C-alpha cells in the first residue's frame, strides 16, 4: 500500500502536492471544554440540517479542568455536502434534561469554524 496518497491540510513546502477538490475538512477549533460539565456532541449543520457529528467524552470527575486543552473537531466530507449552503455548529450536552438545551457559546472561549481544501501527496 506504499502508493496510497496521503490527505492532509498542510505539508512542507519541499513536497509536491495536488489539491483534492472532491473533499473538504470542516474544522471546529479551539473549543473550551471546561465550559461544559458533561460529555457532549458537536454537530455540523447545513441549512438547519445536521450533516455530521463528533462526540467528546469528558474525563472522569476529579480531572483538573484548568489543565484541559482546547478541543478540535474535524469533519472530512465530500465537498458537495457543504457546498451552496450555510454552515453552523450545534453543541449538545449528553443527558441534557431538555431537548435542544445548549450551553452558552460565550463560555466556550473563542472557537472558530474553518473549511479547508485538502492536499494530497505521495
N, C-alpha and C. Protein backbone atom coordinates (compact mmCIF):
# COMPACT_ATOMS: atom_id res chain seq x y z
N UNK A 1 0.82 -1.18 0.00
CA UNK A 1 0.00 0.00 0.00
C UNK A 1 0.87 1.25 0.00
N UNK A 2 2.12 1.12 -0.48
CA UNK A 2 3.04 2.24 -0.46
C UNK A 2 2.64 3.33 -1.44
N UNK A 3 1.77 3.02 -2.43
CA UNK A 3 1.35 4.01 -3.40
C UNK A 3 0.14 4.82 -2.97
N UNK A 4 -0.38 4.60 -1.76
CA UNK A 4 -1.56 5.32 -1.30
C UNK A 4 -1.21 6.79 -1.07
N UNK A 5 -2.08 7.65 -1.51
CA UNK A 5 -1.87 9.08 -1.32
C UNK A 5 -2.31 9.49 0.07
N UNK A 6 -1.59 10.42 0.66
CA UNK A 6 -1.92 10.93 1.99
C UNK A 6 -2.70 12.23 1.82
N UNK A 7 -3.77 12.36 2.58
CA UNK A 7 -4.58 13.57 2.55
C UNK A 7 -4.30 14.37 3.81
N UNK A 8 -3.93 15.65 3.64
CA UNK A 8 -3.59 16.50 4.78
C UNK A 8 -4.00 17.94 4.51
N UNK A 9 -4.10 18.72 5.60
CA UNK A 9 -4.41 20.15 5.47
C UNK A 9 -3.18 20.94 5.03
N UNK A 10 -2.00 20.52 5.47
CA UNK A 10 -0.79 21.25 5.13
C UNK A 10 0.38 20.29 5.01
N UNK A 11 1.38 20.69 4.25
CA UNK A 11 2.59 19.89 4.05
C UNK A 11 3.79 20.84 4.01
N UNK A 12 4.96 20.26 4.10
CA UNK A 12 6.18 21.04 3.96
C UNK A 12 6.25 21.59 2.53
N UNK A 13 6.84 22.76 2.39
CA UNK A 13 6.92 23.34 1.04
C UNK A 13 7.89 22.59 0.14
N UNK A 14 8.63 21.64 0.71
CA UNK A 14 9.53 20.82 -0.11
C UNK A 14 8.79 19.71 -0.85
N UNK A 15 7.53 19.47 -0.49
CA UNK A 15 6.73 18.42 -1.12
C UNK A 15 5.93 18.96 -2.29
N UNK A 16 5.64 18.07 -3.23
CA UNK A 16 4.75 18.37 -4.34
C UNK A 16 3.38 17.79 -3.99
N UNK A 17 2.34 18.59 -4.18
CA UNK A 17 1.00 18.15 -3.78
C UNK A 17 -0.01 18.43 -4.87
N UNK A 18 -1.14 17.77 -4.74
CA UNK A 18 -2.31 18.04 -5.58
C UNK A 18 -3.42 18.52 -4.66
N UNK A 19 -4.27 19.39 -5.16
CA UNK A 19 -5.42 19.87 -4.37
C UNK A 19 -6.58 18.92 -4.63
N UNK A 20 -7.13 18.38 -3.56
CA UNK A 20 -8.27 17.49 -3.66
C UNK A 20 -9.54 18.36 -3.65
N UNK A 21 -10.18 18.48 -4.79
CA UNK A 21 -11.39 19.31 -4.88
C UNK A 21 -12.67 18.51 -4.68
N UNK A 22 -12.53 17.25 -4.28
CA UNK A 22 -13.70 16.41 -4.03
C UNK A 22 -14.10 16.40 -2.55
N UNK A 23 -13.12 16.71 -1.66
CA UNK A 23 -13.37 16.67 -0.23
C UNK A 23 -12.90 17.96 0.43
N UNK A 24 -13.51 18.26 1.57
CA UNK A 24 -13.08 19.38 2.40
C UNK A 24 -12.99 18.91 3.84
N UNK A 25 -12.18 19.59 4.61
CA UNK A 25 -12.14 19.36 6.04
C UNK A 25 -12.79 20.56 6.69
N UNK A 26 -13.92 20.33 7.35
CA UNK A 26 -14.59 21.38 8.11
C UNK A 26 -14.13 21.18 9.55
N UNK A 27 -13.55 22.22 10.14
CA UNK A 27 -12.97 22.10 11.47
C UNK A 27 -13.60 23.09 12.44
N UNK A 28 -13.90 22.58 13.63
CA UNK A 28 -14.28 23.42 14.76
C UNK A 28 -13.06 23.39 15.66
N UNK A 29 -12.44 24.54 15.85
CA UNK A 29 -11.15 24.60 16.54
C UNK A 29 -11.21 25.52 17.75
N UNK A 30 -10.51 25.10 18.82
CA UNK A 30 -10.35 25.95 19.98
C UNK A 30 -11.54 25.99 20.93
N UNK A 31 -12.31 24.93 21.02
CA UNK A 31 -13.48 24.90 21.90
C UNK A 31 -13.04 24.62 23.34
N UNK A 32 -13.37 25.50 24.26
CA UNK A 32 -13.03 25.34 25.67
C UNK A 32 -14.00 24.35 26.30
N UNK A 33 -13.54 23.12 26.51
CA UNK A 33 -14.42 22.07 27.01
C UNK A 33 -14.74 22.22 28.49
N UNK A 34 -13.99 23.04 29.21
CA UNK A 34 -14.28 23.21 30.64
C UNK A 34 -15.59 23.96 30.87
N UNK A 35 -16.12 24.59 29.83
CA UNK A 35 -17.38 25.32 29.94
C UNK A 35 -18.59 24.39 29.92
N UNK A 36 -18.35 23.12 29.61
CA UNK A 36 -19.44 22.15 29.52
C UNK A 36 -19.16 21.07 30.56
N UNK A 37 -20.06 20.88 31.49
CA UNK A 37 -19.81 19.98 32.63
C UNK A 37 -19.86 18.51 32.27
N UNK A 38 -20.42 18.16 31.15
CA UNK A 38 -20.62 16.76 30.80
C UNK A 38 -20.04 16.47 29.42
N UNK A 39 -20.05 15.22 29.03
CA UNK A 39 -19.68 14.87 27.66
C UNK A 39 -20.68 15.53 26.72
N UNK A 40 -20.29 15.71 25.47
CA UNK A 40 -21.18 16.42 24.56
C UNK A 40 -20.92 16.03 23.12
N UNK A 41 -21.87 16.35 22.27
CA UNK A 41 -21.74 16.14 20.83
C UNK A 41 -21.58 17.50 20.15
N UNK A 42 -20.77 17.52 19.11
CA UNK A 42 -20.62 18.70 18.25
C UNK A 42 -21.24 18.31 16.92
N UNK A 43 -22.25 19.06 16.52
CA UNK A 43 -22.96 18.77 15.27
C UNK A 43 -22.63 19.84 14.24
N UNK A 44 -22.28 19.41 13.04
CA UNK A 44 -22.12 20.32 11.92
C UNK A 44 -23.45 20.37 11.20
N UNK A 45 -23.94 21.58 10.97
CA UNK A 45 -25.28 21.79 10.44
C UNK A 45 -25.18 22.59 9.14
N UNK A 46 -25.90 22.14 8.13
CA UNK A 46 -26.00 22.88 6.87
C UNK A 46 -27.47 23.19 6.64
N UNK A 47 -27.76 24.47 6.50
CA UNK A 47 -29.14 24.92 6.24
C UNK A 47 -30.14 24.29 7.21
N UNK A 48 -29.76 24.23 8.50
CA UNK A 48 -30.67 23.73 9.53
C UNK A 48 -30.72 22.22 9.68
N UNK A 49 -29.98 21.47 8.84
CA UNK A 49 -29.97 20.00 8.91
C UNK A 49 -28.60 19.51 9.37
N UNK A 50 -28.57 18.62 10.34
CA UNK A 50 -27.29 18.05 10.79
C UNK A 50 -26.72 17.18 9.68
N UNK A 51 -25.44 17.41 9.38
CA UNK A 51 -24.79 16.61 8.33
C UNK A 51 -23.64 15.76 8.87
N UNK A 52 -23.16 16.06 10.07
CA UNK A 52 -22.09 15.27 10.67
C UNK A 52 -22.02 15.58 12.16
N UNK A 53 -21.52 14.62 12.93
CA UNK A 53 -21.41 14.81 14.38
C UNK A 53 -20.14 14.16 14.90
N UNK A 54 -19.61 14.72 15.97
CA UNK A 54 -18.48 14.14 16.71
C UNK A 54 -18.86 14.20 18.18
N UNK A 55 -18.38 13.22 18.94
CA UNK A 55 -18.69 13.15 20.37
C UNK A 55 -17.43 13.42 21.17
N UNK A 56 -17.54 14.17 22.25
CA UNK A 56 -16.43 14.45 23.16
C UNK A 56 -16.75 13.82 24.50
N UNK A 57 -15.89 12.92 24.96
CA UNK A 57 -16.08 12.25 26.23
C UNK A 57 -15.23 12.95 27.28
N UNK A 58 -15.87 13.55 28.27
CA UNK A 58 -15.16 14.23 29.34
C UNK A 58 -14.42 13.22 30.19
N UNK A 59 -13.29 13.66 30.75
CA UNK A 59 -12.53 12.82 31.68
C UNK A 59 -13.39 12.58 32.92
N UNK A 60 -13.10 11.50 33.66
CA UNK A 60 -13.88 11.21 34.87
C UNK A 60 -13.85 12.40 35.84
N UNK A 61 -14.85 12.45 36.71
CA UNK A 61 -14.91 13.51 37.72
C UNK A 61 -13.60 13.56 38.48
N UNK A 62 -13.22 14.77 38.86
CA UNK A 62 -11.97 14.95 39.59
C UNK A 62 -10.83 15.38 38.69
N UNK A 63 -10.98 15.28 37.37
CA UNK A 63 -9.93 15.74 36.47
C UNK A 63 -9.87 17.26 36.57
N UNK A 64 -8.66 17.79 36.54
CA UNK A 64 -8.47 19.23 36.70
C UNK A 64 -8.88 19.96 35.42
N UNK A 65 -9.98 20.69 35.50
CA UNK A 65 -10.50 21.42 34.33
C UNK A 65 -9.50 22.45 33.84
N UNK A 66 -8.66 22.98 34.70
CA UNK A 66 -7.71 24.00 34.29
C UNK A 66 -6.64 23.43 33.35
N UNK A 67 -6.42 22.12 33.37
CA UNK A 67 -5.40 21.52 32.53
C UNK A 67 -5.95 21.02 31.20
N UNK A 68 -7.23 21.17 30.97
CA UNK A 68 -7.81 20.72 29.72
C UNK A 68 -7.36 21.63 28.59
N UNK A 69 -7.04 21.04 27.46
CA UNK A 69 -6.65 21.78 26.28
C UNK A 69 -7.89 22.08 25.45
N UNK A 70 -7.87 23.18 24.67
CA UNK A 70 -9.00 23.42 23.77
C UNK A 70 -9.16 22.24 22.81
N UNK A 71 -10.40 21.89 22.54
CA UNK A 71 -10.69 20.74 21.68
C UNK A 71 -10.84 21.18 20.23
N UNK A 72 -10.53 20.26 19.33
CA UNK A 72 -10.65 20.47 17.90
C UNK A 72 -11.43 19.29 17.31
N UNK A 73 -12.33 19.59 16.41
CA UNK A 73 -13.16 18.57 15.79
C UNK A 73 -13.04 18.72 14.28
N UNK A 74 -12.69 17.63 13.60
CA UNK A 74 -12.54 17.64 12.14
C UNK A 74 -13.63 16.78 11.51
N UNK A 75 -14.20 17.32 10.44
CA UNK A 75 -15.22 16.61 9.67
C UNK A 75 -14.72 16.55 8.22
N UNK A 76 -14.21 15.40 7.78
CA UNK A 76 -13.78 15.24 6.40
C UNK A 76 -15.00 14.80 5.59
N UNK A 77 -15.43 15.67 4.67
CA UNK A 77 -16.70 15.47 3.96
C UNK A 77 -16.53 15.69 2.47
N UNK A 78 -17.40 15.06 1.68
CA UNK A 78 -17.42 15.40 0.25
C UNK A 78 -17.78 16.88 0.11
N UNK A 79 -17.16 17.55 -0.84
CA UNK A 79 -17.39 18.98 -0.99
C UNK A 79 -18.86 19.29 -1.26
N UNK A 80 -19.56 18.37 -1.92
CA UNK A 80 -20.99 18.58 -2.20
C UNK A 80 -21.83 18.65 -0.92
N UNK A 81 -21.34 18.03 0.17
CA UNK A 81 -22.10 18.04 1.42
C UNK A 81 -22.15 19.43 2.05
N UNK A 82 -21.18 20.29 1.71
CA UNK A 82 -21.15 21.63 2.33
C UNK A 82 -21.34 22.76 1.33
N UNK A 83 -21.28 22.45 0.04
CA UNK A 83 -21.37 23.49 -0.98
C UNK A 83 -22.76 24.13 -1.02
N UNK A 84 -22.78 25.40 -1.34
CA UNK A 84 -24.03 26.14 -1.59
C UNK A 84 -25.00 26.10 -0.42
N UNK A 85 -24.49 26.18 0.78
CA UNK A 85 -25.36 26.21 1.95
C UNK A 85 -24.73 27.02 3.06
N UNK A 86 -25.49 27.24 4.11
CA UNK A 86 -24.99 27.97 5.27
C UNK A 86 -24.65 26.97 6.37
N UNK A 87 -23.40 27.01 6.82
CA UNK A 87 -22.92 26.09 7.84
C UNK A 87 -23.02 26.73 9.22
N UNK A 88 -23.33 25.90 10.20
CA UNK A 88 -23.32 26.33 11.60
C UNK A 88 -22.96 25.13 12.46
N UNK A 89 -22.78 25.40 13.74
CA UNK A 89 -22.38 24.35 14.69
C UNK A 89 -23.36 24.35 15.85
N UNK A 90 -23.72 23.16 16.30
CA UNK A 90 -24.54 22.98 17.50
C UNK A 90 -23.74 22.16 18.50
N UNK A 91 -23.80 22.56 19.76
CA UNK A 91 -23.18 21.80 20.85
C UNK A 91 -24.32 21.23 21.68
N UNK A 92 -24.31 19.91 21.87
CA UNK A 92 -25.40 19.25 22.60
C UNK A 92 -24.83 18.43 23.76
N UNK A 93 -25.02 18.89 25.00
CA UNK A 93 -24.55 18.13 26.15
C UNK A 93 -25.23 16.77 26.24
N UNK A 94 -24.49 15.76 26.65
CA UNK A 94 -25.07 14.42 26.84
C UNK A 94 -26.00 14.45 28.04
N UNK A 95 -27.11 13.75 27.92
CA UNK A 95 -28.05 13.66 29.03
C UNK A 95 -28.74 14.96 29.35
N UNK A 96 -28.81 15.85 28.39
CA UNK A 96 -29.47 17.13 28.61
C UNK A 96 -30.93 16.89 28.98
N UNK A 97 -31.39 17.46 30.10
CA UNK A 97 -32.77 17.20 30.54
C UNK A 97 -33.81 17.77 29.58
N UNK A 98 -33.45 18.82 28.88
CA UNK A 98 -34.39 19.42 27.94
C UNK A 98 -33.86 19.27 26.53
N UNK A 99 -34.62 18.64 25.63
CA UNK A 99 -34.15 18.52 24.25
C UNK A 99 -33.85 19.89 23.68
N UNK A 100 -32.71 19.99 23.00
CA UNK A 100 -32.34 21.25 22.39
C UNK A 100 -31.65 22.22 23.33
N UNK A 101 -31.48 21.86 24.61
CA UNK A 101 -30.79 22.75 25.54
C UNK A 101 -29.33 22.86 25.13
N UNK A 102 -28.82 24.08 25.00
CA UNK A 102 -27.47 24.31 24.52
C UNK A 102 -26.67 25.10 25.55
N UNK A 103 -25.37 24.80 25.66
CA UNK A 103 -24.53 25.61 26.54
C UNK A 103 -24.35 27.02 25.96
N UNK A 104 -24.02 27.96 26.79
CA UNK A 104 -23.82 29.33 26.34
C UNK A 104 -22.50 29.43 25.58
N UNK A 105 -22.56 29.90 24.34
CA UNK A 105 -21.38 29.96 23.49
C UNK A 105 -20.30 30.87 24.05
N UNK A 106 -20.68 31.95 24.71
CA UNK A 106 -19.68 32.89 25.23
C UNK A 106 -18.80 32.27 26.32
N UNK A 107 -19.22 31.15 26.89
CA UNK A 107 -18.42 30.47 27.92
C UNK A 107 -17.43 29.48 27.33
N UNK A 108 -17.45 29.28 26.02
CA UNK A 108 -16.61 28.26 25.38
C UNK A 108 -15.35 28.84 24.75
N UNK A 109 -14.91 29.99 25.21
CA UNK A 109 -13.73 30.60 24.64
C UNK A 109 -14.09 31.28 23.33
N UNK A 110 -13.22 31.15 22.36
CA UNK A 110 -13.45 31.76 21.04
C UNK A 110 -13.24 30.71 19.94
N UNK A 111 -14.05 29.66 19.94
CA UNK A 111 -13.86 28.63 18.92
C UNK A 111 -14.16 29.19 17.53
N UNK A 112 -13.54 28.58 16.54
CA UNK A 112 -13.73 29.01 15.15
C UNK A 112 -14.20 27.85 14.30
N UNK A 113 -14.85 28.20 13.21
CA UNK A 113 -15.28 27.24 12.19
C UNK A 113 -14.45 27.55 10.95
N UNK A 114 -13.75 26.54 10.43
CA UNK A 114 -12.91 26.72 9.25
C UNK A 114 -13.22 25.63 8.24
N UNK A 115 -13.00 25.95 6.97
CA UNK A 115 -13.16 24.98 5.89
C UNK A 115 -11.87 24.97 5.09
N UNK A 116 -11.29 23.78 4.93
CA UNK A 116 -10.03 23.64 4.23
C UNK A 116 -10.18 22.71 3.03
N UNK A 117 -9.65 23.12 1.88
CA UNK A 117 -9.46 22.15 0.80
C UNK A 117 -8.29 21.27 1.23
N UNK A 118 -8.33 20.02 0.89
CA UNK A 118 -7.31 19.08 1.31
C UNK A 118 -6.24 18.94 0.25
N UNK A 119 -5.03 18.63 0.71
CA UNK A 119 -3.89 18.40 -0.17
C UNK A 119 -3.60 16.92 -0.20
N UNK A 120 -3.15 16.42 -1.34
CA UNK A 120 -2.76 15.01 -1.46
C UNK A 120 -1.30 14.95 -1.89
N UNK A 121 -0.55 14.08 -1.19
CA UNK A 121 0.84 13.87 -1.54
C UNK A 121 1.12 12.36 -1.57
N UNK A 122 2.20 12.00 -2.22
CA UNK A 122 2.58 10.58 -2.30
C UNK A 122 3.27 10.13 -1.05
